[in-house]
N, C-alpha and C. Protein backbone atom coordinates (compact mmCIF):
# COMPACT_ATOMS: atom_id res chain seq x y z
N MET A 1 -7.73 -4.56 10.25
CA MET A 1 -6.88 -4.29 9.35
C MET A 1 -6.83 -3.88 8.12
N ALA A 2 -6.55 -2.82 7.50
CA ALA A 2 -6.78 -2.32 5.84
C ALA A 2 -6.39 -3.29 5.15
N LYS A 3 -7.25 -3.35 4.29
CA LYS A 3 -6.94 -4.02 2.82
C LYS A 3 -6.48 -3.29 1.59
N ILE A 4 -5.65 -3.81 0.77
CA ILE A 4 -5.12 -3.12 -0.33
C ILE A 4 -5.99 -4.04 -1.60
N ILE A 5 -6.87 -3.85 -2.16
CA ILE A 5 -7.03 -4.80 -3.16
C ILE A 5 -7.33 -3.80 -4.69
N LEU A 6 -6.45 -4.32 -5.40
CA LEU A 6 -6.28 -4.12 -6.87
C LEU A 6 -6.78 -4.79 -8.06
N VAL A 7 -7.71 -4.12 -9.10
CA VAL A 7 -7.84 -4.75 -10.07
C VAL A 7 -7.22 -4.46 -11.16
N THR A 8 -6.64 -5.73 -11.84
CA THR A 8 -5.84 -5.39 -13.23
C THR A 8 -6.47 -6.24 -14.24
N GLY A 9 -6.41 -5.91 -15.44
CA GLY A 9 -6.55 -6.40 -16.41
C GLY A 9 -5.81 -5.88 -17.84
N VAL A 10 -6.51 -6.30 -19.18
CA VAL A 10 -6.06 -5.60 -20.32
C VAL A 10 -6.87 -4.44 -20.27
N PRO A 11 -6.08 -3.16 -21.16
CA PRO A 11 -6.75 -1.83 -21.51
C PRO A 11 -8.07 -2.40 -22.13
N GLY A 12 -9.24 -1.48 -21.44
CA GLY A 12 -10.71 -1.78 -21.97
C GLY A 12 -11.05 -2.90 -21.39
N SER A 13 -10.80 -3.62 -20.34
CA SER A 13 -11.45 -4.62 -19.75
C SER A 13 -12.42 -4.43 -18.81
N GLY A 14 -12.45 -3.13 -18.42
CA GLY A 14 -13.68 -2.67 -17.41
C GLY A 14 -12.91 -2.12 -16.03
N LYS A 15 -11.70 -1.94 -15.89
CA LYS A 15 -11.09 -1.79 -14.65
C LYS A 15 -11.88 -0.56 -13.75
N THR A 16 -12.01 0.51 -14.73
CA THR A 16 -12.32 1.77 -14.10
C THR A 16 -14.15 1.68 -13.83
N THR A 17 -14.53 0.93 -14.86
CA THR A 17 -16.29 0.82 -14.76
C THR A 17 -16.40 -0.14 -13.37
N ALA A 18 -15.66 -0.97 -13.20
CA ALA A 18 -15.52 -1.88 -11.86
C ALA A 18 -15.44 -0.89 -10.55
N ILE A 19 -14.32 -0.03 -10.90
CA ILE A 19 -14.32 0.68 -9.78
C ILE A 19 -15.26 1.63 -9.40
N LYS A 20 -16.04 2.43 -10.44
CA LYS A 20 -16.75 3.16 -10.12
C LYS A 20 -18.11 2.44 -9.65
N ARG A 21 -18.55 1.04 -10.08
CA ARG A 21 -19.36 0.59 -9.49
C ARG A 21 -19.39 0.05 -7.76
N ILE A 22 -17.92 -0.43 -7.79
CA ILE A 22 -17.60 -0.61 -6.07
C ILE A 22 -18.00 0.87 -5.23
N LEU A 23 -17.51 1.92 -5.67
CA LEU A 23 -17.66 3.07 -5.25
C LEU A 23 -18.92 3.60 -4.98
N SER A 24 -19.94 3.26 -6.04
CA SER A 24 -21.19 3.52 -5.69
C SER A 24 -21.81 2.52 -4.66
N ARG A 25 -21.11 1.44 -4.13
CA ARG A 25 -22.06 0.59 -3.16
C ARG A 25 -21.31 0.87 -2.05
N LEU A 26 -20.04 1.60 -1.71
CA LEU A 26 -19.43 1.64 -0.59
C LEU A 26 -20.53 2.83 0.32
N THR A 27 -20.41 2.61 1.77
CA THR A 27 -21.34 2.91 2.48
C THR A 27 -20.43 3.92 3.46
N THR A 28 -19.29 3.57 3.44
CA THR A 28 -18.44 4.49 4.30
C THR A 28 -17.81 5.55 3.63
N LYS A 29 -16.86 6.37 4.27
CA LYS A 29 -16.45 7.68 3.67
C LYS A 29 -15.25 7.21 2.67
N VAL A 30 -15.23 7.83 1.67
CA VAL A 30 -14.21 7.55 0.61
C VAL A 30 -13.66 8.80 0.33
N GLY A 31 -12.52 8.49 -0.39
CA GLY A 31 -11.61 9.70 -0.85
C GLY A 31 -10.83 9.24 -1.89
N GLY A 32 -10.04 10.19 -2.71
CA GLY A 32 -9.25 9.39 -3.87
C GLY A 32 -9.67 10.14 -5.39
N PHE A 33 -9.40 9.10 -6.42
CA PHE A 33 -9.61 9.51 -7.42
C PHE A 33 -9.72 8.13 -8.29
N TYR A 34 -10.27 8.92 -9.73
CA TYR A 34 -10.43 7.78 -10.93
C TYR A 34 -10.12 8.50 -12.09
N THR A 35 -9.92 7.84 -13.07
CA THR A 35 -9.53 8.19 -14.15
C THR A 35 -10.84 8.16 -15.69
N GLN A 36 -10.69 9.14 -16.28
CA GLN A 36 -11.88 9.20 -17.23
C GLN A 36 -11.08 9.44 -18.80
N GLU A 37 -12.08 8.93 -19.72
CA GLU A 37 -11.42 9.27 -21.03
C GLU A 37 -11.96 10.88 -21.55
N VAL A 38 -11.29 11.58 -22.27
CA VAL A 38 -11.63 12.75 -22.89
C VAL A 38 -11.77 12.16 -24.38
N ARG A 39 -13.14 12.68 -24.78
CA ARG A 39 -13.16 12.56 -26.23
C ARG A 39 -13.57 13.59 -27.06
N ALA A 40 -13.10 13.66 -28.18
CA ALA A 40 -13.79 14.95 -29.19
C ALA A 40 -14.18 14.00 -30.49
N GLY A 41 -15.44 14.67 -30.84
CA GLY A 41 -15.85 14.03 -32.43
C GLY A 41 -15.81 12.49 -32.15
N GLY A 42 -16.16 12.03 -30.77
CA GLY A 42 -15.97 10.39 -30.71
C GLY A 42 -14.64 9.39 -30.67
N VAL A 43 -13.59 10.49 -30.77
CA VAL A 43 -12.51 9.76 -30.68
C VAL A 43 -11.78 10.24 -29.35
N ARG A 44 -10.85 8.96 -28.75
CA ARG A 44 -10.26 9.62 -27.39
C ARG A 44 -8.98 10.64 -27.87
N VAL A 45 -9.17 11.59 -27.14
CA VAL A 45 -8.10 12.54 -27.26
C VAL A 45 -7.18 12.51 -25.66
N GLY A 46 -7.51 12.07 -25.03
CA GLY A 46 -6.68 12.16 -23.34
C GLY A 46 -7.59 11.47 -22.50
N PHE A 47 -7.17 11.59 -21.35
CA PHE A 47 -7.71 11.20 -19.94
C PHE A 47 -7.72 12.33 -18.88
N LYS A 48 -8.63 12.56 -17.97
CA LYS A 48 -8.63 13.21 -16.94
C LYS A 48 -8.68 12.55 -15.68
N ILE A 49 -8.17 13.20 -14.83
CA ILE A 49 -8.11 12.77 -13.25
C ILE A 49 -9.40 13.69 -12.81
N VAL A 50 -10.18 12.79 -11.99
CA VAL A 50 -11.50 13.29 -11.02
C VAL A 50 -11.58 12.75 -9.97
N THR A 51 -11.23 13.87 -8.74
CA THR A 51 -11.34 13.39 -7.56
C THR A 51 -12.67 13.40 -7.02
N LEU A 52 -12.79 12.56 -5.86
CA LEU A 52 -13.97 12.06 -5.33
C LEU A 52 -14.38 13.34 -4.49
N ASP A 53 -13.75 14.64 -4.54
CA ASP A 53 -14.29 15.81 -3.75
C ASP A 53 -14.54 16.86 -4.69
N GLY A 54 -14.36 16.26 -6.04
CA GLY A 54 -15.01 17.47 -6.99
C GLY A 54 -14.04 18.10 -7.71
N GLN A 55 -12.84 17.71 -7.79
CA GLN A 55 -11.55 18.36 -8.52
C GLN A 55 -11.49 17.43 -9.83
N GLU A 56 -10.92 18.32 -10.87
CA GLU A 56 -10.70 17.32 -12.10
C GLU A 56 -9.46 18.18 -12.82
N GLY A 57 -8.84 17.39 -13.49
CA GLY A 57 -7.66 18.00 -14.32
C GLY A 57 -6.88 16.92 -15.33
N ILE A 58 -6.75 17.49 -16.27
CA ILE A 58 -6.28 16.91 -17.49
C ILE A 58 -5.21 15.99 -17.02
N LEU A 59 -5.19 14.37 -17.32
CA LEU A 59 -3.84 13.81 -16.90
C LEU A 59 -2.82 13.79 -18.14
N ALA A 60 -3.66 13.49 -19.46
CA ALA A 60 -2.70 13.48 -20.42
C ALA A 60 -3.98 13.81 -21.82
N HIS A 61 -2.96 14.02 -22.79
CA HIS A 61 -3.64 14.71 -23.91
C HIS A 61 -2.68 14.83 -24.99
N VAL A 62 -3.68 14.59 -26.42
CA VAL A 62 -2.81 14.53 -27.36
C VAL A 62 -2.37 16.07 -27.85
N GLU A 63 -3.01 17.12 -27.59
CA GLU A 63 -2.37 18.13 -27.65
C GLU A 63 -1.31 18.87 -26.69
N ILE A 64 -0.82 18.10 -25.55
CA ILE A 64 -0.03 18.38 -24.58
C ILE A 64 1.40 17.92 -25.36
N GLU A 65 2.43 19.02 -25.49
CA GLU A 65 3.66 18.91 -26.43
C GLU A 65 4.74 18.20 -25.52
N GLY A 66 5.55 18.06 -25.72
CA GLY A 66 6.95 17.53 -24.90
C GLY A 66 6.87 16.57 -24.11
N GLN A 67 7.87 16.28 -23.34
CA GLN A 67 7.96 15.10 -22.62
C GLN A 67 7.11 15.33 -21.22
N PRO A 68 6.83 14.45 -20.33
CA PRO A 68 6.87 12.89 -20.87
C PRO A 68 5.60 12.53 -21.85
N ARG A 69 5.92 11.52 -22.24
CA ARG A 69 4.77 11.24 -23.51
C ARG A 69 4.65 9.77 -23.32
N ILE A 70 3.59 9.20 -23.51
CA ILE A 70 3.13 7.79 -23.79
C ILE A 70 2.04 7.79 -24.64
N SER A 71 2.85 6.95 -25.51
CA SER A 71 2.13 6.85 -27.07
C SER A 71 1.69 8.11 -27.51
N LYS A 72 0.83 8.74 -27.94
CA LYS A 72 0.55 10.02 -28.50
C LYS A 72 0.08 10.95 -27.43
N TYR A 73 0.09 10.70 -26.27
CA TYR A 73 -0.43 11.47 -25.33
C TYR A 73 0.74 12.18 -24.66
N GLY A 74 0.79 13.55 -24.46
CA GLY A 74 1.39 14.22 -23.41
C GLY A 74 0.78 14.14 -22.21
N VAL A 75 2.13 13.67 -21.10
CA VAL A 75 1.26 13.45 -19.62
C VAL A 75 1.54 14.77 -19.08
N ASN A 76 0.60 14.99 -17.91
CA ASN A 76 0.70 16.18 -17.18
C ASN A 76 0.60 15.97 -15.97
N LEU A 77 2.31 16.10 -15.50
CA LEU A 77 2.93 15.65 -14.51
C LEU A 77 2.28 16.52 -13.36
N ALA A 78 2.12 17.76 -13.26
CA ALA A 78 1.85 18.88 -12.57
C ALA A 78 0.42 18.41 -12.12
N ALA A 79 -0.49 17.98 -13.12
CA ALA A 79 -1.81 17.61 -12.58
C ALA A 79 -1.84 16.15 -11.74
N ILE A 80 -1.01 15.30 -11.87
CA ILE A 80 -0.95 14.26 -11.51
C ILE A 80 -0.52 14.46 -9.72
N GLU A 81 0.71 15.34 -9.75
CA GLU A 81 1.03 15.89 -8.57
C GLU A 81 -0.32 16.75 -7.45
N SER A 82 -0.73 17.62 -8.51
CA SER A 82 -1.56 18.58 -7.42
C SER A 82 -3.10 18.14 -7.34
N ILE A 83 -3.53 17.34 -8.23
CA ILE A 83 -4.68 16.99 -8.06
C ILE A 83 -4.60 15.33 -7.64
N ALA A 84 -4.11 14.32 -8.32
CA ALA A 84 -4.32 12.90 -7.84
C ALA A 84 -3.59 12.57 -6.56
N VAL A 85 -2.29 13.05 -6.40
CA VAL A 85 -1.49 12.78 -5.39
C VAL A 85 -2.33 13.75 -4.33
N ALA A 86 -2.71 14.82 -4.29
CA ALA A 86 -3.34 15.64 -3.24
C ALA A 86 -4.50 14.78 -2.82
N SER A 87 -5.39 14.35 -3.60
CA SER A 87 -6.45 13.68 -3.52
C SER A 87 -6.46 12.39 -2.47
N LEU A 88 -5.24 12.01 -2.62
CA LEU A 88 -4.80 10.53 -2.08
C LEU A 88 -4.39 10.94 -0.73
N LYS A 89 -3.69 11.88 -0.48
CA LYS A 89 -3.29 12.48 0.76
C LYS A 89 -4.31 12.78 1.53
N ARG A 90 -5.14 13.81 1.09
CA ARG A 90 -6.37 13.95 1.66
C ARG A 90 -7.09 12.82 2.55
N ALA A 91 -7.25 11.98 1.37
CA ALA A 91 -8.29 10.54 1.80
C ALA A 91 -7.60 9.69 2.93
N GLU A 92 -6.33 10.04 2.76
CA GLU A 92 -5.53 8.93 3.98
C GLU A 92 -5.90 9.47 5.16
N GLN A 93 -6.22 10.99 5.51
CA GLN A 93 -5.96 11.39 6.60
C GLN A 93 -7.80 11.32 6.86
N GLN A 94 -8.69 11.54 5.97
CA GLN A 94 -10.05 11.58 6.09
C GLN A 94 -11.03 10.59 5.63
N ALA A 95 -10.57 9.66 4.90
CA ALA A 95 -11.30 8.73 4.35
C ALA A 95 -11.25 7.33 5.23
N SER A 96 -12.09 6.11 4.93
CA SER A 96 -11.95 4.83 5.56
C SER A 96 -11.63 3.91 4.16
N VAL A 97 -11.82 4.76 3.06
CA VAL A 97 -11.42 3.72 1.75
C VAL A 97 -10.95 4.84 0.96
N ILE A 98 -9.70 4.30 0.33
CA ILE A 98 -8.97 5.35 -0.71
C ILE A 98 -9.53 4.56 -2.09
N ILE A 99 -10.02 5.39 -3.05
CA ILE A 99 -10.22 4.92 -4.48
C ILE A 99 -8.91 5.31 -5.03
N LEU A 100 -8.41 4.16 -5.88
CA LEU A 100 -7.03 4.60 -6.59
C LEU A 100 -6.96 4.25 -7.90
N ASP A 101 -7.59 5.18 -8.99
CA ASP A 101 -7.61 4.22 -10.26
C ASP A 101 -7.19 5.21 -11.38
N GLU A 102 -5.87 5.00 -11.75
CA GLU A 102 -5.15 3.91 -11.53
C GLU A 102 -3.72 3.99 -11.22
N ILE A 103 -2.96 2.67 -11.01
CA ILE A 103 -1.61 2.75 -11.16
C ILE A 103 -1.41 2.21 -12.43
N GLY A 104 -1.06 3.29 -13.10
CA GLY A 104 -0.65 2.93 -14.80
C GLY A 104 0.64 3.71 -15.31
N PRO A 105 0.93 3.48 -16.44
CA PRO A 105 1.91 3.98 -16.91
C PRO A 105 2.11 5.46 -17.08
N MET A 106 0.88 6.35 -17.06
CA MET A 106 0.92 7.84 -17.04
C MET A 106 1.11 8.32 -15.47
N GLU A 107 0.63 7.65 -14.65
CA GLU A 107 0.63 8.13 -13.25
C GLU A 107 2.18 7.82 -12.87
N ILE A 108 2.65 6.56 -13.10
CA ILE A 108 3.68 6.35 -12.36
C ILE A 108 5.21 6.86 -13.03
N LEU A 109 5.07 7.89 -13.66
CA LEU A 109 5.88 8.71 -14.26
C LEU A 109 6.42 9.56 -13.51
N SER A 110 5.46 10.19 -12.04
CA SER A 110 5.57 10.93 -11.28
C SER A 110 6.32 10.13 -9.95
N GLU A 111 7.38 10.68 -9.95
CA GLU A 111 8.01 10.15 -8.36
C GLU A 111 7.13 10.39 -7.13
N GLU A 112 6.48 11.64 -7.19
CA GLU A 112 5.64 11.91 -5.81
C GLU A 112 4.82 10.61 -5.74
N PHE A 113 4.04 10.45 -7.02
CA PHE A 113 2.84 9.68 -6.98
C PHE A 113 3.08 8.08 -6.42
N CYS A 114 4.40 7.72 -7.29
CA CYS A 114 5.04 6.30 -6.48
C CYS A 114 4.88 6.62 -5.40
N ARG A 115 5.75 7.46 -4.83
CA ARG A 115 6.37 7.54 -3.19
C ARG A 115 4.66 7.38 -2.28
N THR A 116 3.71 8.21 -3.06
CA THR A 116 2.34 8.17 -2.00
C THR A 116 2.03 6.67 -2.22
N VAL A 117 2.06 6.24 -3.25
CA VAL A 117 1.37 4.91 -3.56
C VAL A 117 1.95 3.86 -2.68
N MET A 118 3.25 3.85 -2.30
CA MET A 118 4.08 3.25 -1.39
C MET A 118 3.51 3.13 -0.02
N ASP A 119 3.59 4.52 0.20
CA ASP A 119 3.13 4.92 1.62
C ASP A 119 1.69 4.49 2.04
N LEU A 120 0.75 4.45 0.80
CA LEU A 120 -0.50 4.02 1.23
C LEU A 120 -0.18 2.32 1.57
N LEU A 121 0.25 1.91 0.83
CA LEU A 121 0.40 0.52 0.92
C LEU A 121 0.83 0.06 2.54
N GLU A 122 1.37 0.98 3.44
CA GLU A 122 1.78 0.78 4.67
C GLU A 122 0.69 1.42 5.67
N SER A 123 -0.53 2.05 5.09
CA SER A 123 -1.26 2.75 6.00
C SER A 123 -2.32 1.93 6.32
N GLU A 124 -3.07 2.81 7.41
CA GLU A 124 -4.27 2.00 8.07
C GLU A 124 -5.39 2.02 7.40
N VAL A 125 -5.21 2.57 6.09
CA VAL A 125 -6.71 2.76 5.18
C VAL A 125 -6.93 1.89 4.40
N SER A 126 -7.92 1.04 4.10
CA SER A 126 -7.98 0.27 3.06
C SER A 126 -8.10 0.88 1.61
N VAL A 127 -7.55 0.05 0.79
CA VAL A 127 -7.37 0.87 -0.93
C VAL A 127 -8.15 0.00 -1.75
N VAL A 128 -8.80 0.62 -2.41
CA VAL A 128 -9.41 -0.36 -3.67
C VAL A 128 -8.99 0.67 -4.87
N GLY A 129 -8.58 -0.33 -5.84
CA GLY A 129 -7.72 0.40 -6.84
C GLY A 129 -7.50 -0.59 -8.51
N SER A 130 -7.23 -0.08 -9.13
CA SER A 130 -6.82 -0.46 -10.57
C SER A 130 -5.23 -0.27 -10.83
N ILE A 131 -4.70 -1.54 -11.44
CA ILE A 131 -3.54 -1.20 -11.86
C ILE A 131 -3.26 -1.79 -13.00
N VAL A 132 -2.21 -1.00 -13.83
CA VAL A 132 -1.93 -1.97 -15.30
C VAL A 132 -1.51 -3.36 -15.32
N LYS A 133 -1.80 -4.19 -16.39
CA LYS A 133 -1.48 -5.49 -16.50
C LYS A 133 -0.07 -5.69 -16.81
N ARG A 134 0.48 -4.74 -17.69
CA ARG A 134 1.57 -4.73 -18.45
C ARG A 134 2.44 -4.60 -17.20
N ARG A 135 3.81 -5.58 -17.71
CA ARG A 135 4.76 -5.65 -16.56
C ARG A 135 5.57 -4.34 -16.66
N LEU A 136 5.54 -3.49 -15.68
CA LEU A 136 6.35 -2.35 -15.61
C LEU A 136 6.82 -2.23 -13.85
N PRO A 137 8.17 -1.70 -13.87
CA PRO A 137 8.81 -2.23 -12.66
C PRO A 137 8.20 -1.99 -11.43
N PHE A 138 7.61 -0.47 -11.44
CA PHE A 138 6.78 -0.13 -10.30
C PHE A 138 5.67 -0.74 -10.19
N ALA A 139 4.99 -1.08 -11.03
CA ALA A 139 3.58 -1.90 -11.13
C ALA A 139 3.84 -3.28 -10.40
N GLU A 140 5.29 -3.76 -10.67
CA GLU A 140 5.41 -5.18 -10.33
C GLU A 140 5.51 -5.11 -8.77
N LYS A 141 6.57 -3.96 -8.41
CA LYS A 141 6.70 -3.65 -7.27
C LYS A 141 5.39 -3.61 -6.13
N VAL A 142 4.34 -2.79 -6.40
CA VAL A 142 3.24 -2.72 -5.94
C VAL A 142 2.55 -4.28 -5.85
N LYS A 143 2.33 -4.86 -7.26
CA LYS A 143 1.67 -5.88 -7.07
C LYS A 143 2.25 -7.17 -6.30
N SER A 144 3.39 -7.04 -6.14
CA SER A 144 4.39 -8.17 -5.05
C SER A 144 3.98 -7.78 -3.65
N HIS A 145 3.47 -6.82 -3.36
CA HIS A 145 3.60 -6.05 -1.91
C HIS A 145 2.72 -7.14 -1.06
N PRO A 146 2.98 -7.50 0.14
CA PRO A 146 2.28 -8.30 0.82
C PRO A 146 1.16 -7.94 1.20
N ALA A 147 0.80 -6.63 1.27
CA ALA A 147 -0.46 -6.30 1.50
C ALA A 147 -1.53 -6.44 0.67
N VAL A 148 -0.99 -6.37 -0.57
CA VAL A 148 -1.79 -6.47 -1.98
C VAL A 148 -2.45 -7.79 -2.26
N THR A 149 -4.08 -7.53 -2.58
CA THR A 149 -4.62 -8.46 -3.02
C THR A 149 -4.80 -8.26 -4.43
N LEU A 150 -4.65 -9.08 -5.43
CA LEU A 150 -4.79 -8.59 -6.78
C LEU A 150 -5.89 -9.41 -7.56
N LEU A 151 -6.70 -8.98 -8.00
CA LEU A 151 -7.77 -9.47 -8.75
C LEU A 151 -7.62 -9.32 -10.26
N GLU A 152 -7.70 -10.12 -11.39
CA GLU A 152 -7.81 -10.02 -12.68
C GLU A 152 -9.25 -10.12 -13.23
N ILE A 153 -9.45 -9.06 -13.89
CA ILE A 153 -11.14 -8.66 -14.55
C ILE A 153 -10.88 -9.07 -15.99
N THR A 154 -11.85 -10.28 -16.10
CA THR A 154 -11.85 -10.82 -17.74
C THR A 154 -13.20 -10.80 -18.00
N PRO A 155 -13.49 -10.93 -19.01
CA PRO A 155 -15.11 -11.04 -19.76
C PRO A 155 -15.56 -12.08 -19.27
N SER A 156 -15.16 -12.93 -18.67
CA SER A 156 -15.81 -14.29 -17.77
C SER A 156 -16.20 -13.91 -16.27
N ASN A 157 -15.33 -12.88 -15.67
CA ASN A 157 -15.83 -12.75 -14.30
C ASN A 157 -16.14 -11.12 -13.86
N ARG A 158 -16.25 -10.40 -15.03
CA ARG A 158 -16.54 -8.57 -14.72
C ARG A 158 -17.74 -8.56 -14.03
N HIS A 159 -18.70 -9.34 -14.16
CA HIS A 159 -19.97 -9.12 -13.47
C HIS A 159 -19.87 -9.70 -11.92
N ARG A 160 -18.88 -10.73 -11.62
CA ARG A 160 -18.44 -10.71 -10.13
C ARG A 160 -17.84 -9.67 -9.57
N ILE A 161 -16.77 -9.17 -10.27
CA ILE A 161 -15.61 -8.78 -9.48
C ILE A 161 -16.12 -7.53 -8.38
N VAL A 162 -17.27 -6.78 -8.89
CA VAL A 162 -17.46 -6.00 -7.76
C VAL A 162 -18.22 -6.42 -6.41
N ASP A 163 -18.64 -7.65 -6.40
CA ASP A 163 -19.00 -8.46 -5.04
C ASP A 163 -17.85 -9.02 -4.67
N GLN A 164 -16.92 -9.25 -5.38
CA GLN A 164 -15.80 -10.06 -5.00
C GLN A 164 -14.79 -9.10 -4.01
N VAL A 165 -14.82 -7.84 -4.63
CA VAL A 165 -14.16 -6.93 -3.93
C VAL A 165 -14.52 -6.54 -2.78
N LEU A 166 -15.95 -6.10 -2.73
CA LEU A 166 -16.57 -5.63 -1.13
C LEU A 166 -16.57 -6.69 -0.28
N GLU A 167 -16.62 -8.11 -0.95
CA GLU A 167 -16.69 -8.99 0.09
C GLU A 167 -15.14 -9.27 0.73
N LEU A 168 -14.30 -8.75 0.05
CA LEU A 168 -12.82 -8.92 0.67
C LEU A 168 -12.85 -7.86 1.65
N LEU A 169 -13.29 -6.51 1.51
CA LEU A 169 -13.42 -5.59 2.09
C LEU A 169 -14.12 -5.80 3.52
N GLU A 170 -15.29 -6.38 3.59
CA GLU A 170 -16.09 -6.75 4.59
C GLU A 170 -15.44 -7.02 6.05
N GLY A 171 -15.82 -6.29 6.68
CA GLY A 171 -15.14 -6.26 8.30
C GLY A 171 -13.75 -5.64 8.25
N THR A 172 -13.40 -5.16 7.09
CA THR A 172 -12.06 -4.59 7.33
C THR A 172 -12.13 -2.86 7.28
N VAL A 173 -13.34 -2.66 6.93
CA VAL A 173 -13.39 -0.94 7.15
C VAL A 173 -14.61 -0.48 7.84
N PRO A 174 -14.16 0.50 8.81
CA PRO A 174 -15.05 0.89 10.13
C PRO A 174 -16.16 1.86 9.50
N GLU A 175 -17.22 1.95 9.95
CA GLU A 175 -18.25 2.69 9.54
C GLU A 175 -18.04 3.88 9.33
N SER A 176 -16.97 4.48 10.04
CA SER A 176 -16.65 5.93 10.20
C SER A 176 -15.20 6.07 10.41
N ARG A 177 -14.36 7.11 10.02
CA ARG A 177 -13.20 7.21 10.29
C ARG A 177 -12.77 7.40 11.91
N GLU A 178 -13.66 7.93 12.59
CA GLU A 178 -13.62 7.83 14.03
C GLU A 178 -13.50 6.53 14.68
N ASP A 179 -14.31 5.55 13.90
CA ASP A 179 -13.98 4.18 14.52
C ASP A 179 -12.67 3.53 14.43
N ARG A 180 -12.03 3.85 13.35
CA ARG A 180 -10.63 3.34 13.17
C ARG A 180 -9.89 3.95 14.33
N LYS A 181 -10.06 5.22 14.94
CA LYS A 181 -9.04 5.79 15.71
C LYS A 181 -9.21 5.29 17.15
N SER A 182 -10.60 4.83 17.40
CA SER A 182 -10.59 4.13 18.91
C SER A 182 -9.85 2.86 19.16
């Protein structure tokens, strides 16, 4: 049976770092994406989407004008849909574990992203991801889904969270996609 394991925490708590550490220890086929800060002169100016199959795109940036905006960042809905959503759909077909970093305020501005996340919650593929801690309607809907195991990362448990997620996944992820089909 597939598992949906989401890590939450305040901004800067180490959610993406934990996801990358989990990713480095998985031995099965993975797909999906993670987010990464974009810096210029030591200052954060945006975020990019990095897929596990080598694609990248700007998620949000201070130089993107117009709507939608989250704080000082203009959000690139086209990149969310053409890069992040596309990577999730490919992963659902090809991988045993989907990495989904993150379900956050920027990503959930895309209706297509939200539909895809809801589809993944009902799929046969295990998902490891991160989700905003702040109470946002879509995020709360995901957190309360019966398939979701939600773990909060804190300074006192951040060194254990990777092992905890891997233990929760143990026995639920086939060695390969073909194993899951039989």
